[in-house]
All heavy atoms as atom14 arrays in JSON, in Angstrom:
{
  "sequence": "ILKSMRNNINRQVNFETANLVKTVDASVRQIESIKQIVDSRGW",
  "atom14_mask": [
    [1, 1, 1, 1, 1, 1, 1, 1, 0, 0, 0, 0, 0, 0],
    [1, 1, 1, 1, 1, 1, 1, 1, 0, 0, 0, 0, 0, 0],
    [1, 1, 1, 1, 1, 1, 1, 1, 1, 0, 0, 0, 0, 0],
    [1, 1, 1, 1, 1, 1, 0, 0, 0, 0, 0, 0, 0, 0],
    [1, 1, 1, 1, 1, 1, 1, 1, 0, 0, 0, 0, 0, 0],
    [1, 1, 1, 1, 1, 1, 1, 1, 1, 1, 1, 0, 0, 0],
    [1, 1, 1, 1, 1, 1, 1, 1, 0, 0, 0, 0, 0, 0],
    [1, 1, 1, 1, 1, 1, 1, 1, 0, 0, 0, 0, 0, 0],
    [1, 1, 1, 1, 1, 1, 1, 1, 0, 0, 0, 0, 0, 0],
    [1, 1, 1, 1, 1, 1, 1, 1, 0, 0, 0, 0, 0, 0],
    [1, 1, 1, 1, 1, 1, 1, 1, 1, 1, 1, 0, 0, 0],
    [1, 1, 1, 1, 1, 1, 1, 1, 1, 0, 0, 0, 0, 0],
    [1, 1, 1, 1, 1, 1, 1, 0, 0, 0, 0, 0, 0, 0],
    [1, 1, 1, 1, 1, 1, 1, 1, 0, 0, 0, 0, 0, 0],
    [1, 1, 1, 1, 1, 1, 1, 1, 1, 1, 1, 0, 0, 0],
    [1, 1, 1, 1, 1, 1, 1, 1, 1, 0, 0, 0, 0, 0],
    [1, 1, 1, 1, 1, 1, 1, 0, 0, 0, 0, 0, 0, 0],
    [1, 1, 1, 1, 1, 0, 0, 0, 0, 0, 0, 0, 0, 0],
    [1, 1, 1, 1, 1, 1, 1, 1, 0, 0, 0, 0, 0, 0],
    [1, 1, 1, 1, 1, 1, 1, 1, 0, 0, 0, 0, 0, 0],
    [1, 1, 1, 1, 1, 1, 1, 0, 0, 0, 0, 0, 0, 0],
    [1, 1, 1, 1, 1, 1, 1, 1, 1, 0, 0, 0, 0, 0],
    [1, 1, 1, 1, 1, 1, 1, 0, 0, 0, 0, 0, 0, 0],
    [1, 1, 1, 1, 1, 1, 1, 0, 0, 0, 0, 0, 0, 0],
    [1, 1, 1, 1, 1, 1, 1, 1, 0, 0, 0, 0, 0, 0],
    [1, 1, 1, 1, 1, 0, 0, 0, 0, 0, 0, 0, 0, 0],
    [1, 1, 1, 1, 1, 1, 0, 0, 0, 0, 0, 0, 0, 0],
    [1, 1, 1, 1, 1, 1, 1, 0, 0, 0, 0, 0, 0, 0],
    [1, 1, 1, 1, 1, 1, 1, 1, 1, 1, 1, 0, 0, 0],
    [1, 1, 1, 1, 1, 1, 1, 1, 1, 0, 0, 0, 0, 0],
    [1, 1, 1, 1, 1, 1, 1, 1, 0, 0, 0, 0, 0, 0],
    [1, 1, 1, 1, 1, 1, 1, 1, 1, 0, 0, 0, 0, 0],
    [1, 1, 1, 1, 1, 1, 0, 0, 0, 0, 0, 0, 0, 0],
    [1, 1, 1, 1, 1, 1, 1, 1, 0, 0, 0, 0, 0, 0],
    [1, 1, 1, 1, 1, 1, 1, 1, 1, 0, 0, 0, 0, 0],
    [1, 1, 1, 1, 1, 1, 1, 1, 1, 0, 0, 0, 0, 0],
    [1, 1, 1, 1, 1, 1, 1, 1, 0, 0, 0, 0, 0, 0],
    [1, 1, 1, 1, 1, 1, 1, 0, 0, 0, 0, 0, 0, 0],
    [1, 1, 1, 1, 1, 1, 1, 1, 0, 0, 0, 0, 0, 0],
    [1, 1, 1, 1, 1, 1, 0, 0, 0, 0, 0, 0, 0, 0],
    [1, 1, 1, 1, 1, 1, 1, 1, 1, 1, 1, 0, 0, 0],
    [1, 1, 1, 1, 0, 0, 0, 0, 0, 0, 0, 0, 0, 0],
    [1, 1, 1, 1, 1, 1, 1, 1, 1, 1, 1, 1, 1, 1]
  ],
  "atom14_positions": [
    [[0.84, -1.2, 0.0], [0.0, 0.0, 0.0], [0.87, 1.25, 0.0], [0.62, 2.21, -0.74], [-0.95, -0.01, 1.22], [-2.02, -1.09, 1.03], [-1.61, 1.36, 1.39], [-2.84, -1.34, 2.27], [0.0, 0.0, 0.0], [0.0, 0.0, 0.0], [0.0, 0.0, 0.0], [0.0, 0.0, 0.0], [0.0, 0.0, 0.0], [0.0, 0.0, 0.0]],
    [[1.93, 1.25, 0.83], [2.83, 2.4, 0.88], [3.52, 2.61, -0.47], [3.65, 3.75, -0.94], [3.88, 2.2, 1.98], [3.37, 2.32, 3.42], [4.48, 1.97, 4.41], [2.85, 3.73, 3.7], [0.0, 0.0, 0.0], [0.0, 0.0, 0.0], [0.0, 0.0, 0.0], [0.0, 0.0, 0.0], [0.0, 0.0, 0.0], [0.0, 0.0, 0.0]],
    [[3.95, 1.51, -1.1], [4.58, 1.61, -2.41], [3.6, 2.16, -3.44], [3.97, 2.99, -4.28], [5.09, 0.24, -2.87], [6.36, -0.22, -2.2], [6.77, -1.6, -2.65], [7.14, -1.67, -4.09], [7.62, -3.01, -4.49], [0.0, 0.0, 0.0], [0.0, 0.0, 0.0], [0.0, 0.0, 0.0], [0.0, 0.0, 0.0], [0.0, 0.0, 0.0]],
    [[2.37, 1.7, -3.38], [1.35, 2.18, -4.33], [1.09, 3.66, -4.14], [1.01, 4.41, -5.12], [0.06, 1.39, -4.13], [-0.95, 1.85, -4.99], [0.0, 0.0, 0.0], [0.0, 0.0, 0.0], [0.0, 0.0, 0.0], [0.0, 0.0, 0.0], [0.0, 0.0, 0.0], [0.0, 0.0, 0.0], [0.0, 0.0, 0.0], [0.0, 0.0, 0.0]],
    [[0.99, 4.1, -2.87], [0.77, 5.51, -2.6], [1.95, 6.34, -3.09], [1.78, 7.4, -3.71], [0.56, 5.73, -1.1], [-0.74, 5.17, -0.56], [-0.88, 5.35, 1.22], [-0.77, 7.13, 1.39], [0.0, 0.0, 0.0], [0.0, 0.0, 0.0], [0.0, 0.0, 0.0], [0.0, 0.0, 0.0], [0.0, 0.0, 0.0], [0.0, 0.0, 0.0]],
    [[3.16, 5.86, -2.85], [4.36, 6.58, -3.27], [4.41, 6.68, -4.8], [4.74, 7.73, -5.34], [5.6, 5.86, -2.73], [6.89, 6.65, -2.89], [8.07, 5.9, -2.3], [7.9, 5.64, -0.88], [7.8, 4.43, -0.34], [7.86, 3.36, -1.11], [7.65, 4.28, 0.95], [0.0, 0.0, 0.0], [0.0, 0.0, 0.0], [0.0, 0.0, 0.0]],
    [[4.07, 5.56, -5.46], [4.08, 5.57, -6.93], [3.03, 6.53, -7.48], [3.27, 7.23, -8.48], [3.84, 4.16, -7.46], [5.02, 3.24, -7.22], [6.15, 3.7, -7.03], [4.77, 1.94, -7.2], [0.0, 0.0, 0.0], [0.0, 0.0, 0.0], [0.0, 0.0, 0.0], [0.0, 0.0, 0.0], [0.0, 0.0, 0.0], [0.0, 0.0, 0.0]],
    [[1.85, 6.55, -6.84], [0.8, 7.46, -7.29], [1.22, 8.92, -7.14], [0.96, 9.76, -8.0], [-0.49, 7.21, -6.51], [-1.17, 5.91, -6.92], [-0.94, 5.41, -8.01], [-1.99, 5.36, -6.05], [0.0, 0.0, 0.0], [0.0, 0.0, 0.0], [0.0, 0.0, 0.0], [0.0, 0.0, 0.0], [0.0, 0.0, 0.0], [0.0, 0.0, 0.0]],
    [[1.87, 9.21, -6.0], [2.35, 10.57, -5.76], [3.4, 10.95, -6.8], [3.38, 12.06, -7.35], [2.91, 10.71, -4.33], [1.76, 10.61, -3.31], [3.65, 12.02, -4.16], [2.23, 10.51, -1.88], [0.0, 0.0, 0.0], [0.0, 0.0, 0.0], [0.0, 0.0, 0.0], [0.0, 0.0, 0.0], [0.0, 0.0, 0.0], [0.0, 0.0, 0.0]],
    [[4.32, 10.02, -7.06], [5.37, 10.3, -8.06], [4.77, 10.53, -9.44], [5.2, 11.43, -10.17], [6.36, 9.14, -8.11], [7.26, 9.09, -6.89], [7.43, 10.1, -6.2], [7.83, 7.94, -6.61], [0.0, 0.0, 0.0], [0.0, 0.0, 0.0], [0.0, 0.0, 0.0], [0.0, 0.0, 0.0], [0.0, 0.0, 0.0], [0.0, 0.0, 0.0]],
    [[3.77, 9.71, -9.8], [3.12, 9.9, -11.1], [2.43, 11.26, -11.17], [2.5, 11.94, -12.2], [2.11, 8.77, -11.34], [2.73, 7.48, -11.85], [1.67, 6.54, -12.39], [0.79, 6.07, -11.34], [1.01, 4.97, -10.62], [2.08, 4.23, -10.86], [0.16, 4.6, -9.7], [0.0, 0.0, 0.0], [0.0, 0.0, 0.0], [0.0, 0.0, 0.0]],
    [[1.77, 11.66, -10.06], [1.08, 12.94, -10.04], [2.07, 14.1, -10.16], [1.83, 15.06, -10.9], [0.26, 13.08, -8.75], [-0.58, 14.33, -8.66], [-1.68, 14.37, -9.7], [-2.16, 13.33, -10.13], [-2.08, 15.57, -10.11], [0.0, 0.0, 0.0], [0.0, 0.0, 0.0], [0.0, 0.0, 0.0], [0.0, 0.0, 0.0], [0.0, 0.0, 0.0]],
    [[3.19, 13.98, -9.42], [4.21, 15.03, -9.48], [4.79, 15.13, -10.88], [4.99, 16.23, -11.42], [5.32, 14.76, -8.44], [6.52, 15.68, -8.67], [4.78, 14.95, -7.02], [0.0, 0.0, 0.0], [0.0, 0.0, 0.0], [0.0, 0.0, 0.0], [0.0, 0.0, 0.0], [0.0, 0.0, 0.0], [0.0, 0.0, 0.0], [0.0, 0.0, 0.0]],
    [[5.08, 13.97, -11.49], [5.63, 13.97, -12.84], [4.64, 14.57, -13.84], [5.04, 15.31, -14.75], [5.98, 12.54, -13.26], [7.16, 11.98, -12.49], [7.96, 12.75, -11.94], [7.27, 10.67, -12.44], [0.0, 0.0, 0.0], [0.0, 0.0, 0.0], [0.0, 0.0, 0.0], [0.0, 0.0, 0.0], [0.0, 0.0, 0.0], [0.0, 0.0, 0.0]],
    [[3.36, 14.23, -13.65], [2.33, 14.77, -14.54], [2.24, 16.28, -14.41], [2.19, 17.0, -15.42], [0.98, 14.12, -14.19], [-0.18, 14.66, -14.96], [-0.38, 14.29, -16.28], [-1.08, 15.53, -14.37], [-1.46, 14.79, -17.0], [-2.15, 16.04, -15.08], [-2.35, 15.67, -16.4], [0.0, 0.0, 0.0], [0.0, 0.0, 0.0], [0.0, 0.0, 0.0]],
    [[2.24, 16.77, -13.16], [2.13, 18.21, -12.94], [3.38, 18.94, -13.43], [3.29, 20.05, -13.97], [1.89, 18.49, -11.46], [0.51, 18.03, -10.97], [0.32, 18.25, -9.49], [1.28, 18.68, -8.82], [-0.8, 17.99, -8.99], [0.0, 0.0, 0.0], [0.0, 0.0, 0.0], [0.0, 0.0, 0.0], [0.0, 0.0, 0.0], [0.0, 0.0, 0.0]],
    [[4.54, 18.31, -13.25], [5.78, 18.92, -13.72], [5.77, 19.03, -15.24], [6.17, 20.06, -15.81], [6.99, 18.08, -13.26], [7.0, 18.01, -11.83], [8.29, 18.69, -13.75], [0.0, 0.0, 0.0], [0.0, 0.0, 0.0], [0.0, 0.0, 0.0], [0.0, 0.0, 0.0], [0.0, 0.0, 0.0], [0.0, 0.0, 0.0], [0.0, 0.0, 0.0]],
    [[5.32, 17.95, -15.9], [5.26, 17.98, -17.37], [4.3, 19.05, -17.85], [4.59, 19.77, -18.83], [4.82, 16.6, -17.88], [0.0, 0.0, 0.0], [0.0, 0.0, 0.0], [0.0, 0.0, 0.0], [0.0, 0.0, 0.0], [0.0, 0.0, 0.0], [0.0, 0.0, 0.0], [0.0, 0.0, 0.0], [0.0, 0.0, 0.0], [0.0, 0.0, 0.0]],
    [[3.16, 19.19, -17.18], [2.2, 20.22, -17.56], [2.76, 21.62, -17.35], [2.53, 22.53, -18.16], [0.91, 20.07, -16.75], [0.01, 19.0, -17.34], [0.2, 18.56, -18.46], [-0.97, 18.56, -16.57], [0.0, 0.0, 0.0], [0.0, 0.0, 0.0], [0.0, 0.0, 0.0], [0.0, 0.0, 0.0], [0.0, 0.0, 0.0], [0.0, 0.0, 0.0]],
    [[3.51, 21.77, -16.23], [4.11, 23.08, -15.95], [5.13, 23.45, -17.01], [5.16, 24.59, -17.5], [4.76, 23.05, -14.56], [5.44, 24.34, -14.11], [4.44, 25.49, -14.06], [6.11, 24.15, -12.75], [0.0, 0.0, 0.0], [0.0, 0.0, 0.0], [0.0, 0.0, 0.0], [0.0, 0.0, 0.0], [0.0, 0.0, 0.0], [0.0, 0.0, 0.0]],
    [[5.97, 22.49, -17.39], [6.97, 22.74, -18.43], [6.29, 23.1, -19.74], [6.7, 24.03, -20.45], [7.88, 21.5, -18.6], [8.76, 21.65, -19.84], [8.73, 21.3, -17.36], [0.0, 0.0, 0.0], [0.0, 0.0, 0.0], [0.0, 0.0, 0.0], [0.0, 0.0, 0.0], [0.0, 0.0, 0.0], [0.0, 0.0, 0.0], [0.0, 0.0, 0.0]],
    [[5.22, 22.37, -20.05], [4.48, 22.63, -21.28], [3.88, 24.03, -21.26], [3.92, 24.77, -22.26], [3.37, 21.57, -21.42], [2.61, 21.63, -22.73], [1.6, 20.5, -22.79], [0.79, 20.56, -24.07], [-0.22, 19.47, -24.12], [0.0, 0.0, 0.0], [0.0, 0.0, 0.0], [0.0, 0.0, 0.0], [0.0, 0.0, 0.0], [0.0, 0.0, 0.0]],
    [[3.32, 24.42, -20.1], [2.71, 25.76, -19.96], [3.76, 26.86, -20.11], [3.54, 27.87, -20.79], [2.02, 25.88, -18.59], [0.99, 24.89, -18.51], [1.42, 27.26, -18.4], [0.0, 0.0, 0.0], [0.0, 0.0, 0.0], [0.0, 0.0, 0.0], [0.0, 0.0, 0.0], [0.0, 0.0, 0.0], [0.0, 0.0, 0.0], [0.0, 0.0, 0.0]],
    [[4.92, 26.67, -19.47], [5.99, 27.68, -19.53], [6.5, 27.82, -20.96], [6.7, 28.93, -21.46], [7.13, 27.3, -18.57], [8.35, 28.2, -18.81], [6.67, 27.41, -17.12], [0.0, 0.0, 0.0], [0.0, 0.0, 0.0], [0.0, 0.0, 0.0], [0.0, 0.0, 0.0], [0.0, 0.0, 0.0], [0.0, 0.0, 0.0], [0.0, 0.0, 0.0]],
    [[6.72, 26.68, -21.63], [7.22, 26.72, -23.01], [6.24, 27.45, -23.92], [6.64, 28.28, -24.76], [7.44, 25.3, -23.54], [8.65, 24.63, -22.9], [9.46, 25.34, -22.28], [8.77, 23.39, -23.01], [0.0, 0.0, 0.0], [0.0, 0.0, 0.0], [0.0, 0.0, 0.0], [0.0, 0.0, 0.0], [0.0, 0.0, 0.0], [0.0, 0.0, 0.0]],
    [[4.94, 27.15, -23.74], [3.93, 27.81, -24.58], [3.88, 29.3, -24.28], [3.76, 30.13, -25.2], [2.56, 27.18, -24.32], [0.0, 0.0, 0.0], [0.0, 0.0, 0.0], [0.0, 0.0, 0.0], [0.0, 0.0, 0.0], [0.0, 0.0, 0.0], [0.0, 0.0, 0.0], [0.0, 0.0, 0.0], [0.0, 0.0, 0.0], [0.0, 0.0, 0.0]],
    [[4.0, 29.67, -22.99], [3.96, 31.07, -22.6], [5.12, 31.84, -23.21], [4.95, 32.95, -23.73], [3.98, 31.2, -21.07], [4.02, 32.54, -20.68], [0.0, 0.0, 0.0], [0.0, 0.0, 0.0], [0.0, 0.0, 0.0], [0.0, 0.0, 0.0], [0.0, 0.0, 0.0], [0.0, 0.0, 0.0], [0.0, 0.0, 0.0], [0.0, 0.0, 0.0]],
    [[6.32, 31.27, -23.16], [7.51, 31.93, -23.73], [7.31, 32.14, -25.23], [7.61, 33.22, -25.77], [8.77, 31.09, -23.45], [9.96, 31.62, -24.26], [9.09, 31.09, -21.96], [0.0, 0.0, 0.0], [0.0, 0.0, 0.0], [0.0, 0.0, 0.0], [0.0, 0.0, 0.0], [0.0, 0.0, 0.0], [0.0, 0.0, 0.0], [0.0, 0.0, 0.0]],
    [[6.81, 31.12, -25.91], [6.59, 31.22, -27.35], [5.55, 32.3, -27.68], [5.72, 33.08, -28.62], [6.13, 29.86, -27.87], [6.04, 29.78, -29.39], [5.58, 28.41, -29.86], [4.2, 28.13, -29.47], [3.84, 27.25, -28.53], [4.77, 26.55, -27.88], [2.56, 27.06, -28.25], [0.0, 0.0, 0.0], [0.0, 0.0, 0.0], [0.0, 0.0, 0.0]],
    [[4.47, 32.34, -26.9], [3.4, 33.33, -27.16], [3.88, 34.75, -26.89], [3.58, 35.68, -27.66], [2.19, 32.99, -26.27], [1.5, 31.69, -26.66], [0.71, 31.09, -25.52], [0.59, 31.69, -24.44], [0.17, 29.89, -25.74], [0.0, 0.0, 0.0], [0.0, 0.0, 0.0], [0.0, 0.0, 0.0], [0.0, 0.0, 0.0], [0.0, 0.0, 0.0]],
    [[4.65, 34.93, -25.81], [5.18, 36.27, -25.49], [6.11, 36.77, -26.59], [6.07, 37.94, -26.99], [5.89, 36.24, -24.12], [4.84, 36.07, -23.0], [6.71, 37.5, -23.9], [5.45, 35.83, -21.63], [0.0, 0.0, 0.0], [0.0, 0.0, 0.0], [0.0, 0.0, 0.0], [0.0, 0.0, 0.0], [0.0, 0.0, 0.0], [0.0, 0.0, 0.0]],
    [[6.97, 35.89, -27.1], [7.87, 36.27, -28.18], [7.09, 36.7, -29.42], [7.45, 37.67, -30.1], [8.81, 35.11, -28.51], [9.86, 34.84, -27.43], [10.74, 33.65, -27.78], [10.42, 32.96, -28.78], [11.73, 33.42, -27.05], [0.0, 0.0, 0.0], [0.0, 0.0, 0.0], [0.0, 0.0, 0.0], [0.0, 0.0, 0.0], [0.0, 0.0, 0.0]],
    [[6.0, 35.98, -29.71], [5.18, 36.33, -30.88], [4.54, 37.7, -30.7], [4.53, 38.54, -31.63], [4.09, 35.26, -31.09], [4.66, 34.01, -31.41], [0.0, 0.0, 0.0], [0.0, 0.0, 0.0], [0.0, 0.0, 0.0], [0.0, 0.0, 0.0], [0.0, 0.0, 0.0], [0.0, 0.0, 0.0], [0.0, 0.0, 0.0], [0.0, 0.0, 0.0]],
    [[4.0, 37.94, -29.49], [3.35, 39.22, -29.22], [4.35, 40.38, -29.32], [4.07, 41.43, -29.93], [2.66, 39.2, -27.85], [1.51, 38.19, -27.85], [2.17, 40.59, -27.45], [0.98, 37.86, -26.48], [0.0, 0.0, 0.0], [0.0, 0.0, 0.0], [0.0, 0.0, 0.0], [0.0, 0.0, 0.0], [0.0, 0.0, 0.0], [0.0, 0.0, 0.0]],
    [[5.52, 40.2, -28.73], [6.53, 41.26, -28.77], [6.98, 41.53, -30.21], [7.27, 42.67, -30.58], [7.73, 40.86, -27.91], [7.45, 40.96, -26.41], [8.69, 40.61, -25.6], [8.44, 40.8, -24.11], [9.63, 40.46, -23.29], [0.0, 0.0, 0.0], [0.0, 0.0, 0.0], [0.0, 0.0, 0.0], [0.0, 0.0, 0.0], [0.0, 0.0, 0.0]],
    [[7.06, 40.48, -30.99], [7.46, 40.65, -32.39], [6.44, 41.49, -33.15], [6.8, 42.37, -33.95], [7.6, 39.27, -33.04], [8.13, 39.33, -34.47], [8.33, 37.95, -35.05], [8.2, 36.96, -34.35], [8.65, 37.9, -36.33], [0.0, 0.0, 0.0], [0.0, 0.0, 0.0], [0.0, 0.0, 0.0], [0.0, 0.0, 0.0], [0.0, 0.0, 0.0]],
    [[5.16, 41.23, -32.89], [4.11, 42.01, -33.56], [4.17, 43.47, -33.12], [4.12, 44.39, -33.94], [2.72, 41.43, -33.24], [2.6, 39.98, -33.76], [1.61, 42.29, -33.86], [1.36, 39.25, -33.29], [0.0, 0.0, 0.0], [0.0, 0.0, 0.0], [0.0, 0.0, 0.0], [0.0, 0.0, 0.0], [0.0, 0.0, 0.0], [0.0, 0.0, 0.0]],
    [[4.3, 43.68, -31.78], [4.32, 45.05, -31.24], [5.53, 45.81, -31.74], [5.45, 46.99, -32.12], [4.28, 45.02, -29.7], [4.47, 46.43, -29.13], [2.96, 44.42, -29.21], [0.0, 0.0, 0.0], [0.0, 0.0, 0.0], [0.0, 0.0, 0.0], [0.0, 0.0, 0.0], [0.0, 0.0, 0.0], [0.0, 0.0, 0.0], [0.0, 0.0, 0.0]],
    [[6.7, 45.15, -31.77], [7.92, 45.82, -32.24], [7.81, 46.19, -33.72], [8.37, 47.19, -34.16], [9.14, 44.89, -32.04], [9.48, 44.73, -30.56], [8.99, 45.54, -29.75], [10.21, 43.76, -30.21], [0.0, 0.0, 0.0], [0.0, 0.0, 0.0], [0.0, 0.0, 0.0], [0.0, 0.0, 0.0], [0.0, 0.0, 0.0], [0.0, 0.0, 0.0]],
    [[7.1, 45.35, -34.47], [7.01, 45.59, -35.91], [5.9, 46.56, -36.27], [6.09, 47.45, -37.1], [6.79, 44.25, -36.62], [6.61, 44.44, -37.99], [0.0, 0.0, 0.0], [0.0, 0.0, 0.0], [0.0, 0.0, 0.0], [0.0, 0.0, 0.0], [0.0, 0.0, 0.0], [0.0, 0.0, 0.0], [0.0, 0.0, 0.0], [0.0, 0.0, 0.0]],
    [[4.73, 46.44, -35.65], [3.56, 47.21, -36.07], [2.91, 48.01, -34.95], [1.93, 48.72, -35.2], [2.52, 46.28, -36.69], [3.01, 45.54, -37.93], [1.92, 44.68, -38.51], [2.37, 43.97, -39.73], [1.61, 43.14, -40.42], [0.36, 42.91, -40.03], [2.09, 42.56, -41.5], [0.0, 0.0, 0.0], [0.0, 0.0, 0.0], [0.0, 0.0, 0.0]],
    [[3.44, 47.86, -33.72], [2.81, 48.54, -32.6], [1.56, 47.81, -32.15], [1.12, 46.82, -32.77], [0.0, 0.0, 0.0], [0.0, 0.0, 0.0], [0.0, 0.0, 0.0], [0.0, 0.0, 0.0], [0.0, 0.0, 0.0], [0.0, 0.0, 0.0], [0.0, 0.0, 0.0], [0.0, 0.0, 0.0], [0.0, 0.0, 0.0], [0.0, 0.0, 0.0]],
    [[0.93, 48.29, -31.1], [-0.28, 47.63, -30.6], [-1.43, 47.72, -31.6], [-2.32, 46.88, -31.62], [-0.7, 48.24, -29.26], [0.16, 47.76, -28.11], [1.15, 48.43, -27.5], [0.07, 46.48, -27.49], [1.74, 47.67, -26.51], [1.08, 46.45, -26.47], [-0.73, 45.35, -27.66], [1.29, 45.36, -25.65], [-0.52, 44.26, -26.83], [0.48, 44.25, -25.85]]
  ]
}
């Protein structure tokens, strides 16, 4: 039972970490796109 709980926690942490990395990567890409538009054509 302890091993199962530990494995579930690890899976949840890994899942959340992967989602966080995915969110950060998407955010960086979107910010760069927005800045490129603003630098080129303004708001």
